[in-house]
Amino acid sequence: MERYAWKAILLDGKKEEYIRRHDEIWPEMKELLKSAGICNYSIWNVGNELFGYYECEKGIDYATRVQAESPIVDKWNEYMKDVMVMPLDPVTGAQPHLEEVFYLK
């Protein structure tokens, strides 16, 4: 199973709102992520940095493509832009993929 990691910046004073929005994540967004083969998704925070990690049951390319082509993801990104900054990869339209440099199984 392929793993995917991303990072973003949380805007000052927006942590509680960021958490609230994820506590109330839209059912259609959860379904989209599931249909993209995304599982074991977690987001971590330190200071103003966000770090996300998920596993791709159908591969990174498939998960990236499904998200990039989804109007639901576009709507979610618009909804979240007042609490965080995440430049999207201009080629894939998805979160920039962090390069894995170590993995212990």
PDB file of N, CA and C in Angstrom:
ATOM      1  N   MET A   1       0.840  -1.172   0.000  1.00  0.00           N
ATOM      2  CA  MET A   1       0.000   0.000   0.000  1.00  0.00           C
ATOM      3  C   MET A   1       0.889   1.241   0.000  1.00  0.00           C
ATOM      4  N   GLU A   2       0.581   2.172  -0.879  1.00  0.00           N
ATOM      5  CA  GLU A   2       1.360   3.404  -0.953  1.00  0.00           C
ATOM      6  C   GLU A   2       0.899   4.390   0.130  1.00  0.00           C
ATOM      7  N   ARG A   3       1.863   5.162   0.622  1.00  0.00           N
ATOM      8  CA  ARG A   3       1.594   6.157   1.649  1.00  0.00           C
ATOM      9  C   ARG A   3       1.771   7.551   1.065  1.00  0.00           C
ATOM     10  N   TYR A   4       1.005   8.495   1.586  1.00  0.00           N
ATOM     11  CA  TYR A   4       1.032   9.875   1.083  1.00  0.00           C
ATOM     12  C   TYR A   4       1.095  10.815   2.273  1.00  0.00           C
ATOM     13  N   ALA A   5       1.933  11.818   2.192  1.00  0.00           N
ATOM     14  CA  ALA A   5       2.033  12.817   3.250  1.00  0.00           C
ATOM     15  C   ALA A   5       2.039  14.209   2.625  1.00  0.00           C
ATOM     16  N   TRP A   6       1.441  15.150   3.341  1.00  0.00           N
ATOM     17  CA  TRP A   6       1.388  16.538   2.890  1.00  0.00           C
ATOM     18  C   TRP A   6       1.570  17.470   4.081  1.00  0.00           C
ATOM     19  N   LYS A   7       1.832  18.741   3.783  1.00  0.00           N
ATOM     20  CA  LYS A   7       1.937  19.730   4.850  1.00  0.00           C
ATOM     21  C   LYS A   7       1.240  21.012   4.404  1.00  0.00           C
ATOM     22  N   ALA A   8       0.857  21.804   5.404  1.00  0.00           N
ATOM     23  CA  ALA A   8       0.201  23.078   5.153  1.00  0.00           C
ATOM     24  C   ALA A   8       0.447  23.987   6.349  1.00  0.00           C
ATOM     25  N   ILE A   9       0.002  25.217   6.234  1.00  0.00           N
ATOM     26  CA  ILE A   9       0.158  26.187   7.306  1.00  0.00           C
ATOM     27  C   ILE A   9      -1.229  26.574   7.821  1.00  0.00           C
ATOM     28  N   LEU A  10      -1.379  26.499   9.118  1.00  0.00           N
ATOM     29  CA  LEU A  10      -2.602  26.904   9.799  1.00  0.00           C
ATOM     30  C   LEU A  10      -2.501  28.405  10.065  1.00  0.00           C
ATOM     31  N   LEU A  11      -3.523  29.154   9.704  1.00  0.00           N
ATOM     32  CA  LEU A  11      -3.498  30.594   9.937  1.00  0.00           C
ATOM     33  C   LEU A  11      -3.632  30.893  11.433  1.00  0.00           C
ATOM     34  N   ASP A  12      -3.010  31.997  11.851  1.00  0.00           N
ATOM     35  CA  ASP A  12      -3.000  32.369  13.267  1.00  0.00           C
ATOM     36  C   ASP A  12      -4.409  32.421  13.845  1.00  0.00           C
ATOM     37  N   GLY A  13      -4.567  31.790  15.016  1.00  0.00           N
ATOM     38  CA  GLY A  13      -5.828  31.824  15.731  1.00  0.00           C
ATOM     39  C   GLY A  13      -6.933  30.963  15.144  1.00  0.00           C
ATOM     40  N   LYS A  14      -6.609  30.100  14.187  1.00  0.00           N
ATOM     41  CA  LYS A  14      -7.638  29.319  13.491  1.00  0.00           C
ATOM     42  C   LYS A  14      -7.649  27.832  13.848  1.00  0.00           C
ATOM     43  N   LYS A  15      -6.848  27.433  14.822  1.00  0.00           N
ATOM     44  CA  LYS A  15      -6.754  26.010  15.145  1.00  0.00           C
ATOM     45  C   LYS A  15      -8.101  25.425  15.565  1.00  0.00           C
ATOM     46  N   GLU A  16      -8.798  26.083  16.459  1.00  0.00           N
ATOM     47  CA  GLU A  16     -10.084  25.557  16.939  1.00  0.00           C
ATOM     48  C   GLU A  16     -11.086  25.434  15.786  1.00  0.00           C
ATOM     49  N   GLU A  17     -11.104  26.433  14.910  1.00  0.00           N
ATOM     50  CA  GLU A  17     -12.024  26.381  13.764  1.00  0.00           C
ATOM     51  C   GLU A  17     -11.641  25.257  12.805  1.00  0.00           C
ATOM     52  N   TYR A  18     -10.347  25.072  12.591  1.00  0.00           N
ATOM     53  CA  TYR A  18      -9.871  23.989  11.737  1.00  0.00           C
ATOM     54  C   TYR A  18     -10.341  22.639  12.286  1.00  0.00           C
ATOM     55  N   ILE A  19     -10.168  22.452  13.592  1.00  0.00           N
ATOM     56  CA  ILE A  19     -10.594  21.201  14.230  1.00  0.00           C
ATOM     57  C   ILE A  19     -12.107  21.031  14.128  1.00  0.00           C
ATOM     58  N   ARG A  20     -12.861  22.099  14.386  1.00  0.00           N
ATOM     59  CA  ARG A  20     -14.321  22.021  14.311  1.00  0.00           C
ATOM     60  C   ARG A  20     -14.780  21.582  12.915  1.00  0.00           C
ATOM     61  N   ARG A  21     -14.187  22.159  11.896  1.00  0.00           N
ATOM     62  CA  ARG A  21     -14.589  21.803  10.522  1.00  0.00           C
ATOM     63  C   ARG A  21     -14.287  20.343  10.217  1.00  0.00           C
ATOM     64  N   HIS A  22     -13.201  19.831  10.744  1.00  0.00           N
ATOM     65  CA  HIS A  22     -12.896  18.420  10.510  1.00  0.00           C
ATOM     66  C   HIS A  22     -13.757  17.502  11.378  1.00  0.00           C
ATOM     67  N   ASP A  23     -14.140  17.971  12.548  1.00  0.00           N
ATOM     68  CA  ASP A  23     -15.078  17.199  13.366  1.00  0.00           C
ATOM     69  C   ASP A  23     -16.431  17.069  12.666  1.00  0.00           C
ATOM     70  N   GLU A  24     -16.726  18.041  11.804  1.00  0.00           N
ATOM     71  CA  GLU A  24     -18.003  18.066  11.078  1.00  0.00           C
ATOM     72  C   GLU A  24     -17.793  17.857   9.580  1.00  0.00           C
ATOM     73  N   ILE A  25     -16.774  17.091   9.221  1.00  0.00           N
ATOM     74  CA  ILE A  25     -16.464  16.892   7.802  1.00  0.00           C
ATOM     75  C   ILE A  25     -17.700  16.410   7.050  1.00  0.00           C
ATOM     76  N   TRP A  26     -17.900  16.954   5.878  1.00  0.00           N
ATOM     77  CA  TRP A  26     -19.082  16.635   5.086  1.00  0.00           C
ATOM     78  C   TRP A  26     -19.119  15.154   4.726  1.00  0.00           C
ATOM     79  N   PRO A  27     -20.282  14.538   4.790  1.00  0.00           N
ATOM     80  CA  PRO A  27     -20.403  13.125   4.396  1.00  0.00           C
ATOM     81  C   PRO A  27     -19.939  12.884   2.960  1.00  0.00           C
ATOM     82  N   GLU A  28     -20.220  13.822   2.060  1.00  0.00           N
ATOM     83  CA  GLU A  28     -19.798  13.635   0.664  1.00  0.00           C
ATOM     84  C   GLU A  28     -18.281  13.711   0.520  1.00  0.00           C
ATOM     85  N   MET A  29     -17.618  14.454   1.399  1.00  0.00           N
ATOM     86  CA  MET A  29     -16.152  14.501   1.373  1.00  0.00           C
ATOM     87  C   MET A  29     -15.586  13.177   1.874  1.00  0.00           C
ATOM     88  N   LYS A  30     -16.156  12.645   2.951  1.00  0.00           N
ATOM     89  CA  LYS A  30     -15.712  11.343   3.457  1.00  0.00           C
ATOM     90  C   LYS A  30     -15.901  10.261   2.400  1.00  0.00           C
ATOM     91  N   GLU A  31     -17.019  10.296   1.700  1.00  0.00           N
ATOM     92  CA  GLU A  31     -17.294   9.300   0.655  1.00  0.00           C
ATOM     93  C   GLU A  31     -16.314   9.443  -0.508  1.00  0.00           C
ATOM     94  N   LEU A  32     -16.002  10.666  -0.870  1.00  0.00           N
ATOM     95  CA  LEU A  32     -15.044  10.912  -1.963  1.00  0.00           C
ATOM     96  C   LEU A  32     -13.678  10.343  -1.597  1.00  0.00           C
ATOM     97  N   LEU A  33     -13.219  10.610  -0.373  1.00  0.00           N
ATOM     98  CA  LEU A  33     -11.921  10.087   0.058  1.00  0.00           C
ATOM     99  C   LEU A  33     -11.921   8.563   0.036  1.00  0.00           C
ATOM    100  N   LYS A  34     -13.004   7.983   0.511  1.00  0.00           N
ATOM    101  CA  LYS A  34     -13.119   6.522   0.502  1.00  0.00           C
ATOM    102  C   LYS A  34     -13.093   5.981  -0.935  1.00  0.00           C
ATOM    103  N   SER A  35     -13.815   6.632  -1.840  1.00  0.00           N
ATOM    104  CA  SER A  35     -13.849   6.165  -3.233  1.00  0.00           C
ATOM    105  C   SER A  35     -12.489   6.330  -3.912  1.00  0.00           C
ATOM    106  N   ALA A  36     -11.676   7.259  -3.404  1.00  0.00           N
ATOM    107  CA  ALA A  36     -10.324   7.452  -3.934  1.00  0.00           C
ATOM    108  C   ALA A  36      -9.353   6.417  -3.380  1.00  0.00           C
ATOM    109  N   GLY A  37      -9.843   5.557  -2.471  1.00  0.00           N
ATOM    110  CA  GLY A  37      -8.985   4.529  -1.886  1.00  0.00           C
ATOM    111  C   GLY A  37      -8.149   5.041  -0.726  1.00  0.00           C
ATOM    112  N   ILE A  38      -8.555   6.177  -0.162  1.00  0.00           N
ATOM    113  CA  ILE A  38      -7.799   6.775   0.936  1.00  0.00           C
ATOM    114  C   ILE A  38      -8.294   6.208   2.263  1.00  0.00           C
ATOM    115  N   CYS A  39      -7.345   5.755   3.080  1.00  0.00           N
ATOM    116  CA  CYS A  39      -7.690   5.217   4.394  1.00  0.00           C
ATOM    117  C   CYS A  39      -6.594   5.592   5.389  1.00  0.00           C
ATOM    118  N   ASN A  40      -6.863   5.325   6.660  1.00  0.00           N
ATOM    119  CA  ASN A  40      -5.909   5.643   7.731  1.00  0.00           C
ATOM    120  C   ASN A  40      -5.406   7.085   7.617  1.00  0.00           C
ATOM    121  N   TYR A  41      -6.343   7.995   7.424  1.00  0.00           N
ATOM    122  CA  TYR A  41      -6.031   9.412   7.234  1.00  0.00           C
ATOM    123  C   TYR A  41      -5.956  10.095   8.592  1.00  0.00           C
ATOM    124  N   SER A  42      -4.846  10.764   8.847  1.00  0.00           N
ATOM    125  CA  SER A  42      -4.704  11.536  10.070  1.00  0.00           C
ATOM    126  C   SER A  42      -4.012  12.854   9.751  1.00  0.00           C
ATOM    127  N   ILE A  43      -4.325  13.870  10.551  1.00  0.00           N
ATOM    128  CA  ILE A  43      -3.698  15.178  10.407  1.00  0.00           C
ATOM    129  C   ILE A  43      -3.122  15.556  11.764  1.00  0.00           C
ATOM    130  N   TRP A  44      -1.892  16.043  11.743  1.00  0.00           N
ATOM    131  CA  TRP A  44      -1.157  16.393  12.955  1.00  0.00           C
ATOM    132  C   TRP A  44      -0.838  17.882  12.926  1.00  0.00           C
ATOM    133  N   ASN A  45      -0.624  18.454  14.106  1.00  0.00           N
ATOM    134  CA  ASN A  45      -0.364  19.884  14.222  1.00  0.00           C
ATOM    135  C   ASN A  45       0.764  20.140  15.213  1.00  0.00           C
ATOM    136  N   VAL A  46       1.638  21.077  14.856  1.00  0.00           N
ATOM    137  CA  VAL A  46       2.622  21.637  15.780  1.00  0.00           C
ATOM    138  C   VAL A  46       2.754  23.108  15.410  1.00  0.00           C
ATOM    139  N   GLY A  47       2.554  23.986  16.397  1.00  0.00           N
ATOM    140  CA  GLY A  47       2.570  25.422  16.100  1.00  0.00           C
ATOM    141  C   GLY A  47       1.542  25.732  15.018  1.00  0.00           C
ATOM    142  N   ASN A  48       1.990  26.364  13.952  1.00  0.00           N
ATOM    143  CA  ASN A  48       1.096  26.666  12.827  1.00  0.00           C
ATOM    144  C   ASN A  48       1.267  25.689  11.663  1.00  0.00           C
ATOM    145  N   GLU A  49       1.993  24.613  11.890  1.00  0.00           N
ATOM    146  CA  GLU A  49       2.199  23.636  10.825  1.00  0.00           C
ATOM    147  C   GLU A  49       1.205  22.483  10.946  1.00  0.00           C
ATOM    148  N   LEU A  50       0.699  22.074   9.811  1.00  0.00           N
ATOM    149  CA  LEU A  50      -0.161  20.897   9.712  1.00  0.00           C
ATOM    150  C   LEU A  50       0.581  19.846   8.903  1.00  0.00           C
ATOM    151  N   PHE A  51       0.438  18.605   9.315  1.00  0.00           N
ATOM    152  CA  PHE A  51       1.042  17.489   8.600  1.00  0.00           C
ATOM    153  C   PHE A  51      -0.033  16.429   8.445  1.00  0.00           C
ATOM    154  N   GLY A  52      -0.325  16.048   7.209  1.00  0.00           N
ATOM    155  CA  GLY A  52      -1.319  15.018   6.945  1.00  0.00           C
ATOM    156  C   GLY A  52      -0.673  13.761   6.401  1.00  0.00           C
ATOM    157  N   TYR A  53      -1.267  12.637   6.743  1.00  0.00           N
ATOM    158  CA  TYR A  53      -0.772  11.337   6.287  1.00  0.00           C
ATOM    159  C   TYR A  53      -1.970  10.448   5.967  1.00  0.00           C
ATOM    160  N   TYR A  54      -1.906   9.753   4.838  1.00  0.00           N
ATOM    161  CA  TYR A  54      -2.902   8.727   4.557  1.00  0.00           C
ATOM    162  C   TYR A  54      -2.307   7.635   3.691  1.00  0.00           C
ATOM    163  N   GLU A  55      -3.013   6.515   3.670  1.00  0.00           N
ATOM    164  CA  GLU A  55      -2.606   5.377   2.855  1.00  0.00           C
ATOM    165  C   GLU A  55      -3.549   5.274   1.665  1.00  0.00           C
ATOM    166  N   CYS A  56      -2.997   4.835   0.552  1.00  0.00           N
ATOM    167  CA  CYS A  56      -3.735   4.787  -0.716  1.00  0.00           C
ATOM    168  C   CYS A  56      -3.907   3.337  -1.163  1.00  0.00           C
ATOM    169  N   GLU A  57      -5.095   2.797  -0.930  1.00  0.00           N
ATOM    170  CA  GLU A  57      -5.365   1.400  -1.282  1.00  0.00           C
ATOM    171  C   GLU A  57      -5.301   1.159  -2.789  1.00  0.00           C
ATOM    172  N   LYS A  58      -5.589   2.191  -3.570  1.00  0.00           N
ATOM    173  CA  LYS A  58      -5.601   2.060  -5.028  1.00  0.00           C
ATOM    174  C   LYS A  58      -4.415   2.777  -5.668  1.00  0.00           C
ATOM    175  N   GLY A  59      -3.475   3.195  -4.854  1.00  0.00           N
ATOM    176  CA  GLY A  59      -2.281   3.878  -5.350  1.00  0.00           C
ATOM    177  C   GLY A  59      -2.394   5.390  -5.263  1.00  0.00           C
ATOM    178  N   ILE A  60      -1.244   6.030  -5.165  1.00  0.00           N
ATOM    179  CA  ILE A  60      -1.178   7.486  -5.061  1.00  0.00           C
ATOM    180  C   ILE A  60      -1.724   8.147  -6.320  1.00  0.00           C
ATOM    181  N   ASP A  61      -1.357   7.646  -7.488  1.00  0.00           N
ATOM    182  CA  ASP A  61      -1.811   8.276  -8.728  1.00  0.00           C
ATOM    183  C   ASP A  61      -3.336   8.299  -8.808  1.00  0.00           C
ATOM    184  N   TYR A  62      -3.963   7.202  -8.439  1.00  0.00           N
ATOM    185  CA  TYR A  62      -5.428   7.129  -8.475  1.00  0.00           C
ATOM    186  C   TYR A  62      -6.036   8.097  -7.454  1.00  0.00           C
ATOM    187  N   ALA A  63      -5.542   8.081  -6.230  1.00  0.00           N
ATOM    188  CA  ALA A  63      -6.070   8.962  -5.181  1.00  0.00           C
ATOM    189  C   ALA A  63      -5.913  10.431  -5.564  1.00  0.00           C
ATOM    190  N   THR A  64      -4.775  10.766  -6.121  1.00  0.00           N
ATOM    191  CA  THR A  64      -4.511  12.140  -6.545  1.00  0.00           C
ATOM    192  C   THR A  64      -5.460  12.548  -7.665  1.00  0.00           C
ATOM    193  N   ARG A  65      -5.637  11.681  -8.634  1.00  0.00           N
ATOM    194  CA  ARG A  65      -6.503  11.988  -9.775  1.00  0.00           C
ATOM    195  C   ARG A  65      -7.956  12.174  -9.345  1.00  0.00           C
ATOM    196  N   VAL A  66      -8.455  11.283  -8.504  1.00  0.00           N
ATOM    197  CA  VAL A  66      -9.844  11.386  -8.045  1.00  0.00           C
ATOM    198  C   VAL A  66     -10.058  12.706  -7.314  1.00  0.00           C
ATOM    199  N   GLN A  67      -9.123  13.078  -6.447  1.00  0.00           N
ATOM    200  CA  GLN A  67      -9.256  14.344  -5.725  1.00  0.00           C
ATOM    201  C   GLN A  67      -9.167  15.549  -6.658  1.00  0.00           C
ATOM    202  N   ALA A  68      -8.215  15.526  -7.573  1.00  0.00           N
ATOM    203  CA  ALA A  68      -8.010  16.663  -8.473  1.00  0.00           C
ATOM    204  C   ALA A  68      -9.219  16.890  -9.381  1.00  0.00           C
ATOM    205  N   GLU A  69      -9.938  15.835  -9.715  1.00  0.00           N
ATOM    206  CA  GLU A  69     -11.084  15.941 -10.626  1.00  0.00           C
ATOM    207  C   GLU A  69     -12.404  16.182  -9.906  1.00  0.00           C
ATOM    208  N   SER A  70     -12.384  16.277  -8.590  1.00  0.00           N
ATOM    209  CA  SER A  70     -13.617  16.349  -7.814  1.00  0.00           C
ATOM    210  C   SER A  70     -14.060  17.772  -7.499  1.00  0.00           C
ATOM    211  N   PRO A  71     -15.289  18.135  -7.862  1.00  0.00           N
ATOM    212  CA  PRO A  71     -15.818  19.433  -7.442  1.00  0.00           C
ATOM    213  C   PRO A  71     -16.036  19.503  -5.922  1.00  0.00           C
ATOM    214  N   ILE A  72     -16.197  18.354  -5.279  1.00  0.00           N
ATOM    215  CA  ILE A  72     -16.338  18.329  -3.822  1.00  0.00           C
ATOM    216  C   ILE A  72     -15.039  18.798  -3.166  1.00  0.00           C
ATOM    217  N   VAL A  73     -13.921  18.317  -3.670  1.00  0.00           N
ATOM    218  CA  VAL A  73     -12.620  18.736  -3.134  1.00  0.00           C
ATOM    219  C   VAL A  73     -12.407  20.223  -3.401  1.00  0.00           C
ATOM    220  N   ASP A  74     -12.789  20.687  -4.588  1.00  0.00           N
ATOM    221  CA  ASP A  74     -12.675  22.121  -4.889  1.00  0.00           C
ATOM    222  C   ASP A  74     -13.482  22.942  -3.878  1.00  0.00           C
ATOM    223  N   LYS A  75     -14.695  22.492  -3.588  1.00  0.00           N
ATOM    224  CA  LYS A  75     -15.564  23.183  -2.632  1.00  0.00           C
ATOM    225  C   LYS A  75     -14.948  23.154  -1.231  1.00  0.00           C
ATOM    226  N   TRP A  76     -14.392  21.995  -0.832  1.00  0.00           N
ATOM    227  CA  TRP A  76     -13.749  21.879   0.475  1.00  0.00           C
ATOM    228  C   TRP A  76     -12.546  22.817   0.571  1.00  0.00           C
ATOM    229  N   ASN A  77     -11.721  22.851  -0.474  1.00  0.00           N
ATOM    230  CA  ASN A  77     -10.549  23.726  -0.474  1.00  0.00           C
ATOM    231  C   ASN A  77     -10.962  25.191  -0.335  1.00  0.00           C
ATOM    232  N   GLU A  78     -12.027  25.576  -1.006  1.00  0.00           N
ATOM    233  CA  GLU A  78     -12.547  26.941  -0.901  1.00  0.00           C
ATOM    234  C   GLU A  78     -13.018  27.213   0.537  1.00  0.00           C
ATOM    235  N   TYR A  79     -13.720  26.250   1.111  1.00  0.00           N
ATOM    236  CA  TYR A  79     -14.236  26.349   2.476  1.00  0.00           C
ATOM    237  C   TYR A  79     -13.106  26.489   3.499  1.00  0.00           C
ATOM    238  N   MET A  80     -11.975  25.850   3.253  1.00  0.00           N
ATOM    239  CA  MET A  80     -10.883  25.823   4.216  1.00  0.00           C
ATOM    240  C   MET A  80      -9.874  26.960   4.046  1.00  0.00           C
ATOM    241  N   LYS A  81      -9.951  27.718   2.974  1.00  0.00           N
ATOM    242  CA  LYS A  81      -8.888  28.694   2.697  1.00  0.00           C
ATOM    243  C   LYS A  81      -8.818  29.849   3.685  1.00  0.00           C
ATOM    244  N   ASP A  82      -9.852  30.053   4.508  1.00  0.00           N
ATOM    245  CA  ASP A  82      -9.772  31.120   5.499  1.00  0.00           C
ATOM    246  C   ASP A  82      -9.178  30.644   6.830  1.00  0.00           C
ATOM    247  N   VAL A  83      -8.818  29.355   6.908  1.00  0.00           N
ATOM    248  CA  VAL A  83      -8.190  28.834   8.128  1.00  0.00           C
ATOM    249  C   VAL A  83      -6.806  28.233   7.886  1.00  0.00           C
ATOM    250  N   MET A  84      -6.465  28.002   6.621  1.00  0.00           N
ATOM    251  CA  MET A  84      -5.174  27.379   6.326  1.00  0.00           C
ATOM    252  C   MET A  84      -4.668  27.778   4.944  1.00  0.00           C
ATOM    253  N   VAL A  85      -3.390  27.569   4.733  1.00  0.00           N
ATOM    254  CA  VAL A  85      -2.772  27.808   3.436  1.00  0.00           C
ATOM    255  C   VAL A  85      -2.122  26.511   2.993  1.00  0.00           C
ATOM    256  N   MET A  86      -2.544  26.020   1.832  1.00  0.00           N
ATOM    257  CA  MET A  86      -1.934  24.822   1.262  1.00  0.00           C
ATOM    258  C   MET A  86      -1.815  25.031  -0.246  1.00  0.00           C
ATOM    259  N   PRO A  87      -0.628  25.421  -0.690  1.00  0.00           N
ATOM    260  CA  PRO A  87      -0.457  25.541  -2.135  1.00  0.00           C
ATOM    261  C   PRO A  87      -0.642  24.172  -2.783  1.00  0.00           C
ATOM    262  N   LEU A  88      -1.445  24.105  -3.833  1.00  0.00           N
ATOM    263  CA  LEU A  88      -1.665  22.843  -4.523  1.00  0.00           C
ATOM    264  C   LEU A  88      -0.610  22.644  -5.598  1.00  0.00           C
ATOM    265  N   ASP A  89      -0.281  21.395  -5.849  1.00  0.00           N
ATOM    266  CA  ASP A  89       0.661  21.047  -6.905  1.00  0.00           C
ATOM    267  C   ASP A  89       0.038  21.465  -8.236  1.00  0.00           C
ATOM    268  N   PRO A  90       0.716  22.305  -9.020  1.00  0.00           N
ATOM    269  CA  PRO A  90       0.126  22.776 -10.278  1.00  0.00           C
ATOM    270  C   PRO A  90      -0.089  21.676 -11.312  1.00  0.00           C
ATOM    271  N   VAL A  91       0.640  20.585 -11.202  1.00  0.00           N
ATOM    272  CA  VAL A  91       0.502  19.485 -12.157  1.00  0.00           C
ATOM    273  C   VAL A  91      -0.677  18.582 -11.796  1.00  0.00           C
ATOM    274  N   THR A  92      -0.763  18.189 -10.518  1.00  0.00           N
ATOM    275  CA  THR A  92      -1.797  17.240 -10.108  1.00  0.00           C
ATOM    276  C   THR A  92      -3.056  17.915  -9.568  1.00  0.00           C
ATOM    277  N   GLY A  93      -2.940  19.151  -9.109  1.00  0.00           N
ATOM    278  CA  GLY A  93      -4.075  19.828  -8.492  1.00  0.00           C
ATOM    279  C   GLY A  93      -4.362  19.328  -7.085  1.00  0.00           C
ATOM    280  N   ALA A  94      -3.491  18.486  -6.546  1.00  0.00           N
ATOM    281  CA  ALA A  94      -3.663  17.924  -5.199  1.00  0.00           C
ATOM    282  C   ALA A  94      -2.611  18.521  -4.265  1.00  0.00           C
ATOM    283  N   GLN A  95      -2.656  18.073  -3.017  1.00  0.00           N
ATOM    284  CA  GLN A  95      -1.661  18.520  -2.056  1.00  0.00           C
ATOM    285  C   GLN A  95      -0.271  18.131  -2.539  1.00  0.00           C
ATOM    286  N   PRO A  96       0.723  18.994  -2.306  1.00  0.00           N
ATOM    287  CA  PRO A  96       2.088  18.597  -2.659  1.00  0.00           C
ATOM    288  C   PRO A  96       2.493  17.358  -1.859  1.00  0.00           C
ATOM    289  N   HIS A  97       2.987  16.383  -2.546  1.00  0.00           N
ATOM    290  CA  HIS A  97       3.384  15.108  -1.945  1.00  0.00           C
ATOM    291  C   HIS A  97       4.769  15.254  -1.339  1.00  0.00           C
ATOM    292  N   LEU A  98       4.883  14.991  -0.043  1.00  0.00           N
ATOM    293  CA  LEU A  98       6.188  15.019   0.605  1.00  0.00           C
ATOM    294  C   LEU A  98       6.985  13.787   0.201  1.00  0.00           C
ATOM    295  N   GLU A  99       8.254  13.964   0.021  1.00  0.00           N
ATOM    296  CA  GLU A  99       9.136  12.848  -0.331  1.00  0.00           C
ATOM    297  C   GLU A  99       9.447  12.028   0.913  1.00  0.00           C
ATOM    298  N   GLU A 100       9.209  10.745   0.828  1.00  0.00           N
ATOM    299  CA  GLU A 100       9.547   9.856   1.940  1.00  0.00           C
ATOM    300  C   GLU A 100      11.047   9.630   1.947  1.00  0.00           C
ATOM    301  N   VAL A 101      11.673   9.829   3.112  1.00  0.00           N
ATOM    302  CA  VAL A 101      13.113   9.628   3.222  1.00  0.00           C
ATOM    303  C   VAL A 101      13.485   8.542   4.222  1.00  0.00           C
ATOM    304  N   PHE A 102      12.497   8.029   4.960  1.00  0.00           N
ATOM    305  CA  PHE A 102      12.750   6.942   5.896  1.00  0.00           C
ATOM    306  C   PHE A 102      11.442   6.232   6.188  1.00  0.00           C
ATOM    307  N   TYR A 103      11.520   4.897   6.275  1.00  0.00           N
ATOM    308  CA  TYR A 103      10.350   4.093   6.618  1.00  0.00           C
ATOM    309  C   TYR A 103      10.832   2.843   7.326  1.00  0.00           C
ATOM    310  N   LEU A 104      10.322   2.593   8.508  1.00  0.00           N
ATOM    311  CA  LEU A 104      10.650   1.391   9.273  1.00  0.00           C
ATOM    312  C   LEU A 104       9.392   0.556   9.359  1.00  0.00           C
ATOM    313  N   LYS A 105       9.452  -0.628   8.814  1.00  0.00           N
ATOM    314  CA  LYS A 105       8.292  -1.516   8.805  1.00  0.00           C
ATOM    315  C   LYS A 105       8.328  -2.441   9.991  1.00  0.00           C
TER     316      LYS A 105
END
